[in-house]
Amino acid sequence: MRPFFIPVFAVLFYLVLMILPLSASAQSHALSVGYGFGLLSNDRTIGHIEEGGYDFVNLAFQYERSLSPLLGLIVEPFASYTINPEDGIDVGATLLLKYRFQRKQNNAFFITIGGGTSYTSINFKEQGTHFFFIIQGGIGYRWKNFFVENRFKHYSNGGTETPNKSINSNIVMVGMYF
């Protein structure tokens, strides 16, 4: 395994600094686990990216604060274990806006949209770096303290390196508020 401890430590330090101010004022916390796979990448084959199959398991922690009865702000640090194309780890954080379709917060459909940053230990052919920018959006349903969400996630190096082909994935997540 390549030495990636310094970049991982830097990302984790960044996450802690970013989360501390919001965590003290968070109105709810949630933990989710999900399964992700390649989707709509360059070869257009479901479950694949340029170098073959792309599968990963995602673990995320959400700090959510209501901005209005229908709108919320989420800070979401995450870690993913990539199974294919090779074993690896992604760590990062996203900032999301969440819109609930009803005023009733415990049972409602919702959409999320946002972006963030990530570091990966994998040397993807599609990217010239291990640091990514993330854009993602999803749709889900919350029932009492549980939720299910389907997200589309786009990885890019933002043109900072060559090549800069997209790595796109779909993540199906289930989670629980506490």
N, C-alpha and C. Protein backbone atom coordinates (compact mmCIF):
# COMPACT_ATOMS: atom_id res chain seq x y z
N MET A 1 0.84 -1.19 0.00
CA MET A 1 0.00 0.00 0.00
C MET A 1 0.88 1.24 0.00
N ARG A 2 0.56 2.19 -0.85
CA ARG A 2 1.34 3.43 -0.95
C ARG A 2 1.20 4.27 0.33
N PRO A 3 2.24 5.02 0.66
CA PRO A 3 2.13 5.88 1.85
C PRO A 3 1.22 7.08 1.54
N PHE A 4 0.07 7.09 2.16
CA PHE A 4 -0.85 8.21 1.97
C PHE A 4 -1.30 8.78 3.31
N PHE A 5 -0.54 8.51 4.35
CA PHE A 5 -0.92 8.94 5.68
C PHE A 5 -0.96 10.46 5.84
N ILE A 6 -0.01 11.16 5.25
CA ILE A 6 0.02 12.62 5.39
C ILE A 6 -1.19 13.27 4.73
N PRO A 7 -1.53 12.94 3.47
CA PRO A 7 -2.74 13.53 2.89
C PRO A 7 -4.01 13.13 3.64
N VAL A 8 -4.10 11.89 4.10
CA VAL A 8 -5.28 11.46 4.86
C VAL A 8 -5.37 12.26 6.16
N PHE A 9 -4.25 12.42 6.85
CA PHE A 9 -4.24 13.21 8.07
C PHE A 9 -4.68 14.65 7.79
N ALA A 10 -4.20 15.22 6.69
CA ALA A 10 -4.57 16.60 6.33
C ALA A 10 -6.07 16.71 6.07
N VAL A 11 -6.63 15.74 5.37
CA VAL A 11 -8.08 15.77 5.09
C VAL A 11 -8.87 15.60 6.38
N LEU A 12 -8.46 14.68 7.24
CA LEU A 12 -9.17 14.48 8.51
C LEU A 12 -9.09 15.73 9.39
N PHE A 13 -7.93 16.37 9.45
CA PHE A 13 -7.77 17.61 10.21
C PHE A 13 -8.70 18.68 9.66
N TYR A 14 -8.77 18.81 8.34
CA TYR A 14 -9.66 19.76 7.68
C TYR A 14 -11.12 19.47 8.04
N LEU A 15 -11.51 18.20 8.05
CA LEU A 15 -12.88 17.83 8.39
C LEU A 15 -13.23 18.22 9.82
N VAL A 16 -12.33 17.95 10.73
CA VAL A 16 -12.58 18.30 12.14
C VAL A 16 -12.77 19.81 12.28
N LEU A 17 -11.90 20.59 11.65
CA LEU A 17 -12.02 22.05 11.74
C LEU A 17 -13.32 22.54 11.12
N MET A 18 -13.74 21.90 10.03
CA MET A 18 -14.95 22.32 9.34
C MET A 18 -16.21 21.95 10.12
N ILE A 19 -16.18 20.81 10.79
CA ILE A 19 -17.37 20.29 11.46
C ILE A 19 -17.62 20.91 12.82
N LEU A 20 -16.58 21.27 13.55
CA LEU A 20 -16.75 21.74 14.92
C LEU A 20 -17.75 22.89 15.06
N PRO A 21 -17.70 23.96 14.27
CA PRO A 21 -18.65 25.04 14.48
C PRO A 21 -20.10 24.63 14.24
N LEU A 22 -20.35 23.78 13.25
CA LEU A 22 -21.72 23.39 12.95
C LEU A 22 -22.22 22.32 13.91
N SER A 23 -21.33 21.45 14.40
CA SER A 23 -21.78 20.34 15.24
C SER A 23 -22.39 20.83 16.55
N ALA A 24 -21.89 21.94 17.07
CA ALA A 24 -22.43 22.47 18.31
C ALA A 24 -23.86 22.97 18.12
N SER A 25 -24.20 23.39 16.89
CA SER A 25 -25.54 23.91 16.66
C SER A 25 -26.40 22.96 15.84
N ALA A 26 -25.92 21.75 15.57
CA ALA A 26 -26.69 20.81 14.76
C ALA A 26 -27.97 20.43 15.48
N GLN A 27 -29.05 20.35 14.71
CA GLN A 27 -30.33 19.98 15.28
C GLN A 27 -30.59 18.49 15.18
N SER A 28 -29.90 17.81 14.27
CA SER A 28 -30.03 16.37 14.19
C SER A 28 -28.73 15.77 13.65
N HIS A 29 -28.54 14.52 13.99
CA HIS A 29 -27.37 13.77 13.56
C HIS A 29 -27.88 12.48 12.94
N ALA A 30 -27.19 12.01 11.92
CA ALA A 30 -27.57 10.76 11.29
C ALA A 30 -26.32 10.01 10.86
N LEU A 31 -26.46 8.71 10.79
CA LEU A 31 -25.40 7.84 10.32
C LEU A 31 -25.98 7.03 9.17
N SER A 32 -25.22 6.92 8.06
CA SER A 32 -25.72 6.15 6.92
C SER A 32 -24.63 5.24 6.38
N VAL A 33 -25.07 4.17 5.76
CA VAL A 33 -24.19 3.25 5.06
C VAL A 33 -24.79 3.05 3.68
N GLY A 34 -23.91 2.95 2.68
CA GLY A 34 -24.42 2.81 1.32
C GLY A 34 -23.52 1.97 0.45
N TYR A 35 -24.09 1.56 -0.67
CA TYR A 35 -23.35 0.81 -1.69
C TYR A 35 -23.33 1.66 -2.95
N GLY A 36 -22.14 1.85 -3.53
CA GLY A 36 -22.01 2.66 -4.74
C GLY A 36 -21.41 1.88 -5.88
N PHE A 37 -21.76 2.30 -7.08
CA PHE A 37 -21.24 1.66 -8.29
C PHE A 37 -21.15 2.70 -9.40
N GLY A 38 -20.28 2.43 -10.37
CA GLY A 38 -20.08 3.35 -11.49
C GLY A 38 -21.36 3.53 -12.28
N LEU A 39 -21.59 4.77 -12.74
CA LEU A 39 -22.79 5.08 -13.51
C LEU A 39 -22.53 6.29 -14.39
N LEU A 40 -22.86 6.19 -15.64
CA LEU A 40 -22.76 7.29 -16.60
C LEU A 40 -21.35 7.85 -16.73
N SER A 41 -20.36 6.99 -16.59
CA SER A 41 -18.98 7.42 -16.83
C SER A 41 -18.70 7.30 -18.32
N ASN A 42 -17.46 7.49 -18.72
CA ASN A 42 -17.12 7.59 -20.13
C ASN A 42 -17.51 6.39 -20.98
N ASP A 43 -17.40 5.17 -20.44
CA ASP A 43 -17.75 4.01 -21.27
C ASP A 43 -19.25 3.70 -21.23
N ARG A 44 -20.00 4.41 -20.42
CA ARG A 44 -21.46 4.32 -20.34
C ARG A 44 -21.98 2.95 -19.92
N THR A 45 -21.14 2.10 -19.36
CA THR A 45 -21.58 0.81 -18.88
C THR A 45 -21.89 0.91 -17.40
N ILE A 46 -23.06 0.45 -16.99
CA ILE A 46 -23.44 0.52 -15.58
C ILE A 46 -22.48 -0.34 -14.76
N GLY A 47 -22.00 0.23 -13.67
CA GLY A 47 -21.11 -0.48 -12.77
C GLY A 47 -19.64 -0.37 -13.13
N HIS A 48 -19.30 0.38 -14.19
CA HIS A 48 -17.92 0.43 -14.65
C HIS A 48 -17.43 1.87 -14.83
N ILE A 49 -16.12 2.00 -14.78
CA ILE A 49 -15.43 3.21 -15.20
C ILE A 49 -14.41 2.75 -16.25
N GLU A 50 -13.54 3.62 -16.68
CA GLU A 50 -12.61 3.28 -17.76
C GLU A 50 -11.79 2.02 -17.49
N GLU A 51 -11.34 1.83 -16.26
CA GLU A 51 -10.49 0.69 -15.97
C GLU A 51 -11.23 -0.56 -15.50
N GLY A 52 -12.56 -0.58 -15.63
CA GLY A 52 -13.33 -1.78 -15.29
C GLY A 52 -14.39 -1.50 -14.24
N GLY A 53 -14.72 -2.54 -13.48
CA GLY A 53 -15.76 -2.42 -12.46
C GLY A 53 -15.42 -1.40 -11.41
N TYR A 54 -16.45 -0.72 -10.91
CA TYR A 54 -16.27 0.28 -9.85
C TYR A 54 -17.35 0.06 -8.81
N ASP A 55 -16.94 -0.45 -7.65
CA ASP A 55 -17.85 -0.73 -6.53
C ASP A 55 -17.23 -0.21 -5.25
N PHE A 56 -18.05 0.33 -4.36
CA PHE A 56 -17.55 0.80 -3.08
C PHE A 56 -18.65 0.79 -2.03
N VAL A 57 -18.22 0.79 -0.77
CA VAL A 57 -19.11 0.88 0.38
C VAL A 57 -18.83 2.22 1.03
N ASN A 58 -19.90 2.97 1.34
CA ASN A 58 -19.78 4.34 1.84
C ASN A 58 -20.35 4.42 3.26
N LEU A 59 -19.65 5.08 4.14
CA LEU A 59 -20.12 5.35 5.50
C LEU A 59 -20.08 6.86 5.70
N ALA A 60 -21.20 7.44 6.13
CA ALA A 60 -21.27 8.90 6.28
C ALA A 60 -21.96 9.28 7.59
N PHE A 61 -21.53 10.40 8.12
CA PHE A 61 -22.15 10.98 9.32
C PHE A 61 -22.70 12.34 8.93
N GLN A 62 -23.96 12.61 9.26
CA GLN A 62 -24.58 13.88 8.87
C GLN A 62 -24.86 14.75 10.09
N TYR A 63 -24.48 16.02 9.97
CA TYR A 63 -24.87 17.06 10.91
C TYR A 63 -25.86 17.92 10.15
N GLU A 64 -27.11 17.97 10.61
CA GLU A 64 -28.13 18.73 9.89
C GLU A 64 -28.69 19.84 10.76
N ARG A 65 -28.85 21.00 10.15
CA ARG A 65 -29.44 22.16 10.82
C ARG A 65 -30.54 22.71 9.93
N SER A 66 -31.72 22.93 10.51
CA SER A 66 -32.84 23.49 9.76
C SER A 66 -32.62 24.97 9.52
N LEU A 67 -32.78 25.38 8.26
CA LEU A 67 -32.72 26.79 7.91
C LEU A 67 -34.13 27.38 7.82
N SER A 68 -35.11 26.52 7.58
CA SER A 68 -36.53 26.88 7.53
C SER A 68 -37.31 25.58 7.73
N PRO A 69 -38.63 25.63 7.77
CA PRO A 69 -39.39 24.38 7.93
C PRO A 69 -39.15 23.37 6.79
N LEU A 70 -38.77 23.84 5.62
CA LEU A 70 -38.58 22.94 4.49
C LEU A 70 -37.13 22.78 4.05
N LEU A 71 -36.22 23.64 4.49
CA LEU A 71 -34.85 23.64 4.00
C LEU A 71 -33.86 23.38 5.14
N GLY A 72 -32.88 22.52 4.86
CA GLY A 72 -31.86 22.22 5.85
C GLY A 72 -30.47 22.28 5.25
N LEU A 73 -29.48 22.45 6.10
CA LEU A 73 -28.08 22.48 5.72
C LEU A 73 -27.41 21.28 6.37
N ILE A 74 -26.66 20.51 5.57
CA ILE A 74 -26.02 19.29 6.06
C ILE A 74 -24.52 19.37 5.82
N VAL A 75 -23.74 19.07 6.85
CA VAL A 75 -22.31 18.84 6.71
C VAL A 75 -22.14 17.33 6.86
N GLU A 76 -21.49 16.72 5.85
CA GLU A 76 -21.42 15.26 5.82
C GLU A 76 -20.00 14.76 5.58
N PRO A 77 -19.25 14.45 6.64
CA PRO A 77 -17.98 13.77 6.44
C PRO A 77 -18.25 12.31 6.08
N PHE A 78 -17.40 11.74 5.22
CA PHE A 78 -17.62 10.36 4.80
C PHE A 78 -16.30 9.64 4.61
N ALA A 79 -16.39 8.33 4.61
CA ALA A 79 -15.27 7.45 4.27
C ALA A 79 -15.85 6.33 3.42
N SER A 80 -15.11 5.96 2.38
CA SER A 80 -15.54 4.88 1.49
C SER A 80 -14.43 3.86 1.35
N TYR A 81 -14.83 2.61 1.28
CA TYR A 81 -13.88 1.55 0.97
C TYR A 81 -14.18 1.08 -0.45
N THR A 82 -13.24 1.26 -1.35
CA THR A 82 -13.41 0.86 -2.74
C THR A 82 -12.98 -0.59 -2.92
N ILE A 83 -13.85 -1.36 -3.54
CA ILE A 83 -13.60 -2.79 -3.78
C ILE A 83 -12.98 -2.98 -5.16
N ASN A 84 -13.52 -2.33 -6.17
CA ASN A 84 -13.04 -2.38 -7.55
C ASN A 84 -12.88 -0.98 -8.06
N PRO A 85 -11.92 -0.64 -8.86
CA PRO A 85 -11.01 -1.49 -9.61
C PRO A 85 -9.85 -2.03 -8.78
N GLU A 86 -9.61 -1.48 -7.61
CA GLU A 86 -8.60 -1.99 -6.68
C GLU A 86 -9.03 -1.56 -5.29
N ASP A 87 -8.49 -2.22 -4.28
CA ASP A 87 -8.80 -1.83 -2.90
C ASP A 87 -8.25 -0.44 -2.63
N GLY A 88 -9.06 0.36 -1.95
CA GLY A 88 -8.61 1.70 -1.62
C GLY A 88 -9.57 2.39 -0.69
N ILE A 89 -9.19 3.55 -0.24
CA ILE A 89 -9.99 4.32 0.72
C ILE A 89 -10.17 5.74 0.19
N ASP A 90 -11.38 6.26 0.32
CA ASP A 90 -11.69 7.67 0.06
C ASP A 90 -12.13 8.29 1.37
N VAL A 91 -11.68 9.50 1.65
CA VAL A 91 -12.18 10.27 2.79
C VAL A 91 -12.46 11.68 2.30
N GLY A 92 -13.48 12.30 2.86
CA GLY A 92 -13.82 13.65 2.44
C GLY A 92 -15.03 14.17 3.17
N ALA A 93 -15.54 15.28 2.68
CA ALA A 93 -16.72 15.90 3.27
C ALA A 93 -17.49 16.65 2.19
N THR A 94 -18.80 16.70 2.37
CA THR A 94 -19.65 17.47 1.48
C THR A 94 -20.54 18.40 2.28
N LEU A 95 -20.94 19.47 1.67
CA LEU A 95 -21.89 20.42 2.23
C LEU A 95 -23.12 20.36 1.32
N LEU A 96 -24.27 20.04 1.91
CA LEU A 96 -25.48 19.80 1.14
C LEU A 96 -26.63 20.68 1.60
N LEU A 97 -27.48 21.06 0.66
CA LEU A 97 -28.78 21.65 0.99
C LEU A 97 -29.82 20.56 0.84
N LYS A 98 -30.74 20.51 1.78
CA LYS A 98 -31.79 19.50 1.77
C LYS A 98 -33.15 20.18 1.75
N TYR A 99 -33.95 19.81 0.77
CA TYR A 99 -35.31 20.37 0.67
C TYR A 99 -36.31 19.26 0.95
N ARG A 100 -37.17 19.48 1.97
CA ARG A 100 -38.22 18.52 2.32
C ARG A 100 -39.51 18.97 1.64
N PHE A 101 -40.25 18.04 1.08
CA PHE A 101 -41.46 18.37 0.34
C PHE A 101 -42.68 18.58 1.23
N GLN A 102 -42.53 18.42 2.54
CA GLN A 102 -43.62 18.65 3.49
C GLN A 102 -43.06 19.37 4.71
N ARG A 103 -43.94 20.02 5.44
CA ARG A 103 -43.51 20.66 6.69
C ARG A 103 -43.25 19.63 7.78
N LYS A 104 -43.89 18.50 7.69
CA LYS A 104 -43.73 17.44 8.69
C LYS A 104 -42.35 16.81 8.50
N GLN A 105 -41.43 17.01 9.44
CA GLN A 105 -40.04 16.61 9.26
C GLN A 105 -39.79 15.11 9.42
N ASN A 106 -40.62 14.39 10.13
CA ASN A 106 -40.31 13.00 10.40
C ASN A 106 -40.75 12.02 9.31
N ASN A 107 -41.64 12.42 8.41
CA ASN A 107 -42.07 11.58 7.30
C ASN A 107 -42.20 12.45 6.07
N ALA A 108 -41.20 12.40 5.20
CA ALA A 108 -41.24 13.28 4.03
C ALA A 108 -40.26 12.84 2.96
N PHE A 109 -40.63 13.07 1.71
CA PHE A 109 -39.67 12.95 0.62
C PHE A 109 -38.76 14.17 0.67
N PHE A 110 -37.52 14.01 0.21
CA PHE A 110 -36.58 15.12 0.21
C PHE A 110 -35.63 14.98 -0.98
N ILE A 111 -34.99 16.11 -1.32
CA ILE A 111 -33.90 16.11 -2.30
C ILE A 111 -32.70 16.78 -1.66
N THR A 112 -31.53 16.37 -2.09
CA THR A 112 -30.29 16.98 -1.61
C THR A 112 -29.44 17.37 -2.81
N ILE A 113 -28.69 18.44 -2.64
CA ILE A 113 -27.74 18.87 -3.67
C ILE A 113 -26.59 19.59 -2.97
N GLY A 114 -25.37 19.34 -3.47
CA GLY A 114 -24.23 19.99 -2.84
C GLY A 114 -22.92 19.57 -3.45
N GLY A 115 -21.85 19.93 -2.74
CA GLY A 115 -20.51 19.63 -3.22
C GLY A 115 -19.53 19.53 -2.08
N GLY A 116 -18.31 19.13 -2.41
CA GLY A 116 -17.29 19.00 -1.39
C GLY A 116 -15.96 18.59 -1.98
N THR A 117 -15.12 17.99 -1.13
CA THR A 117 -13.79 17.55 -1.53
C THR A 117 -13.53 16.15 -1.00
N SER A 118 -12.56 15.49 -1.62
CA SER A 118 -12.22 14.12 -1.23
C SER A 118 -10.77 13.82 -1.56
N TYR A 119 -10.21 12.90 -0.82
CA TYR A 119 -8.90 12.33 -1.13
C TYR A 119 -9.10 10.83 -1.31
N THR A 120 -8.47 10.24 -2.32
CA THR A 120 -8.53 8.80 -2.54
C THR A 120 -7.13 8.21 -2.59
N SER A 121 -7.01 6.99 -2.13
CA SER A 121 -5.72 6.29 -2.21
C SER A 121 -5.56 5.59 -3.56
N ILE A 122 -6.60 5.59 -4.38
CA ILE A 122 -6.57 4.90 -5.67
C ILE A 122 -6.01 5.82 -6.76
N ASN A 123 -5.22 5.25 -7.64
CA ASN A 123 -4.68 5.99 -8.77
C ASN A 123 -5.58 5.74 -9.98
N PHE A 124 -6.69 6.48 -10.07
CA PHE A 124 -7.63 6.30 -11.18
C PHE A 124 -7.01 6.78 -12.48
N LYS A 125 -7.21 6.01 -13.57
CA LYS A 125 -6.73 6.41 -14.89
C LYS A 125 -7.43 7.69 -15.36
N GLU A 126 -8.66 7.88 -14.91
CA GLU A 126 -9.46 9.02 -15.35
C GLU A 126 -9.00 10.35 -14.77
N GLN A 127 -8.19 10.30 -13.71
CA GLN A 127 -7.78 11.51 -13.00
C GLN A 127 -6.27 11.55 -12.86
N GLY A 128 -5.69 12.73 -12.83
CA GLY A 128 -4.25 12.87 -12.66
C GLY A 128 -3.84 13.19 -11.24
N THR A 129 -4.74 13.04 -10.29
CA THR A 129 -4.47 13.41 -8.90
C THR A 129 -5.27 12.51 -7.97
N HIS A 130 -4.96 12.60 -6.69
CA HIS A 130 -5.70 11.85 -5.68
C HIS A 130 -6.73 12.74 -4.97
N PHE A 131 -6.72 14.04 -5.26
CA PHE A 131 -7.66 14.98 -4.65
C PHE A 131 -8.77 15.31 -5.64
N PHE A 132 -10.01 15.20 -5.18
CA PHE A 132 -11.16 15.41 -6.06
C PHE A 132 -12.09 16.48 -5.51
N PHE A 133 -12.81 17.08 -6.43
CA PHE A 133 -13.97 17.90 -6.10
C PHE A 133 -15.20 17.03 -6.35
N ILE A 134 -16.23 17.24 -5.55
CA ILE A 134 -17.43 16.41 -5.64
C ILE A 134 -18.63 17.30 -5.89
N ILE A 135 -19.48 16.88 -6.80
CA ILE A 135 -20.81 17.46 -6.98
C ILE A 135 -21.77 16.29 -6.89
N GLN A 136 -22.82 16.43 -6.09
CA GLN A 136 -23.77 15.33 -5.96
C GLN A 136 -25.17 15.82 -5.70
N GLY A 137 -26.12 14.99 -6.04
CA GLY A 137 -27.53 15.28 -5.79
C GLY A 137 -28.27 13.98 -5.57
N GLY A 138 -29.33 14.04 -4.80
CA GLY A 138 -30.07 12.82 -4.50
C GLY A 138 -31.53 13.06 -4.19
N ILE A 139 -32.25 11.97 -4.09
CA ILE A 139 -33.65 11.98 -3.69
C ILE A 139 -33.84 10.87 -2.67
N GLY A 140 -34.65 11.15 -1.67
CA GLY A 140 -34.84 10.16 -0.62
C GLY A 140 -36.15 10.31 0.10
N TYR A 141 -36.34 9.44 1.09
CA TYR A 141 -37.54 9.47 1.91
C TYR A 141 -37.13 9.21 3.36
N ARG A 142 -37.66 10.05 4.26
CA ARG A 142 -37.45 9.86 5.69
C ARG A 142 -38.75 9.36 6.31
N TRP A 143 -38.62 8.30 7.09
CA TRP A 143 -39.76 7.76 7.83
C TRP A 143 -39.33 7.64 9.29
N LYS A 144 -39.92 8.48 10.13
CA LYS A 144 -39.57 8.59 11.55
C LYS A 144 -38.08 8.86 11.68
N ASN A 145 -37.30 7.94 12.27
CA ASN A 145 -35.86 8.16 12.45
C ASN A 145 -35.01 7.44 11.40
N PHE A 146 -35.62 6.96 10.34
CA PHE A 146 -34.90 6.21 9.31
C PHE A 146 -35.05 6.90 7.96
N PHE A 147 -34.07 6.69 7.09
CA PHE A 147 -34.18 7.25 5.74
C PHE A 147 -33.49 6.35 4.73
N VAL A 148 -33.91 6.50 3.50
CA VAL A 148 -33.27 5.85 2.37
C VAL A 148 -33.07 6.94 1.32
N GLU A 149 -31.90 6.92 0.68
CA GLU A 149 -31.60 7.96 -0.30
C GLU A 149 -30.81 7.36 -1.46
N ASN A 150 -31.07 7.85 -2.65
CA ASN A 150 -30.33 7.47 -3.84
C ASN A 150 -29.62 8.73 -4.34
N ARG A 151 -28.28 8.67 -4.46
CA ARG A 151 -27.50 9.84 -4.86
C ARG A 151 -26.68 9.56 -6.11
N PHE A 152 -26.55 10.60 -6.93
CA PHE A 152 -25.63 10.59 -8.05
C PHE A 152 -24.43 11.43 -7.62
N LYS A 153 -23.22 10.88 -7.77
CA LYS A 153 -22.00 11.54 -7.31
C LYS A 153 -21.03 11.69 -8.48
N HIS A 154 -20.50 12.90 -8.66
CA HIS A 154 -19.55 13.21 -9.73
C HIS A 154 -18.22 13.61 -9.11
N TYR A 155 -17.17 12.86 -9.44
CA TYR A 155 -15.80 13.18 -9.03
C TYR A 155 -15.09 13.87 -10.19
N SER A 156 -14.33 14.93 -9.88
CA SER A 156 -13.52 15.61 -10.89
C SER A 156 -12.33 16.25 -10.19
N ASN A 157 -11.25 16.42 -10.93
CA ASN A 157 -10.12 17.14 -10.32
C ASN A 157 -10.20 18.63 -10.63
N GLY A 158 -11.28 19.06 -11.25
CA GLY A 158 -11.51 20.48 -11.51
C GLY A 158 -10.54 21.09 -12.50
N GLY A 159 -9.95 20.26 -13.35
CA GLY A 159 -9.01 20.78 -14.33
C GLY A 159 -7.64 21.10 -13.77
N THR A 160 -7.36 20.65 -12.54
CA THR A 160 -6.06 20.95 -11.93
C THR A 160 -4.97 20.02 -12.44
N GLU A 161 -5.34 18.87 -13.01
CA GLU A 161 -4.39 17.89 -13.54
C GLU A 161 -4.95 17.31 -14.84
N THR A 162 -4.09 16.58 -15.56
CA THR A 162 -4.51 15.89 -16.78
C THR A 162 -4.24 14.41 -16.60
N PRO A 163 -5.16 13.53 -16.96
CA PRO A 163 -6.46 13.79 -17.55
C PRO A 163 -7.48 14.24 -16.50
N ASN A 164 -8.63 14.67 -16.97
CA ASN A 164 -9.72 15.08 -16.09
C ASN A 164 -11.04 14.52 -16.65
N LYS A 165 -11.09 13.20 -16.73
CA LYS A 165 -12.33 12.55 -17.15
C LYS A 165 -13.19 12.35 -15.91
N SER A 166 -14.49 12.32 -16.08
CA SER A 166 -15.36 12.20 -14.92
C SER A 166 -15.38 10.77 -14.38
N ILE A 167 -15.55 10.68 -13.08
CA ILE A 167 -15.83 9.42 -12.41
C ILE A 167 -17.18 9.62 -11.76
N ASN A 168 -18.19 8.97 -12.31
CA ASN A 168 -19.56 9.13 -11.83
C ASN A 168 -20.02 7.84 -11.16
N SER A 169 -20.86 8.00 -10.15
CA SER A 169 -21.37 6.82 -9.46
C SER A 169 -22.77 7.09 -8.92
N ASN A 170 -23.42 6.00 -8.60
CA ASN A 170 -24.73 6.02 -7.95
C ASN A 170 -24.52 5.38 -6.58
N ILE A 171 -25.09 5.98 -5.55
CA ILE A 171 -24.98 5.44 -4.19
C ILE A 171 -26.38 5.26 -3.63
N VAL A 172 -26.68 4.05 -3.17
CA VAL A 172 -27.94 3.77 -2.48
C VAL A 172 -27.60 3.70 -1.00
N MET A 173 -28.21 4.60 -0.22
CA MET A 173 -27.86 4.72 1.20
C MET A 173 -29.08 4.48 2.07
N VAL A 174 -28.85 3.85 3.23
CA VAL A 174 -29.86 3.75 4.27
C VAL A 174 -29.24 4.32 5.53
N GLY A 175 -30.06 4.97 6.34
CA GLY A 175 -29.50 5.61 7.52
C GLY A 175 -30.50 5.78 8.64
N MET A 176 -29.98 6.28 9.76
CA MET A 176 -30.80 6.46 10.95
C MET A 176 -30.40 7.76 11.65
N TYR A 177 -31.42 8.52 12.06
CA TYR A 177 -31.20 9.74 12.85
C TYR A 177 -31.16 9.35 14.33
N PHE A 178 -30.38 10.08 15.10
CA PHE A 178 -30.33 9.86 16.54
C PHE A 178 -30.11 11.17 17.26
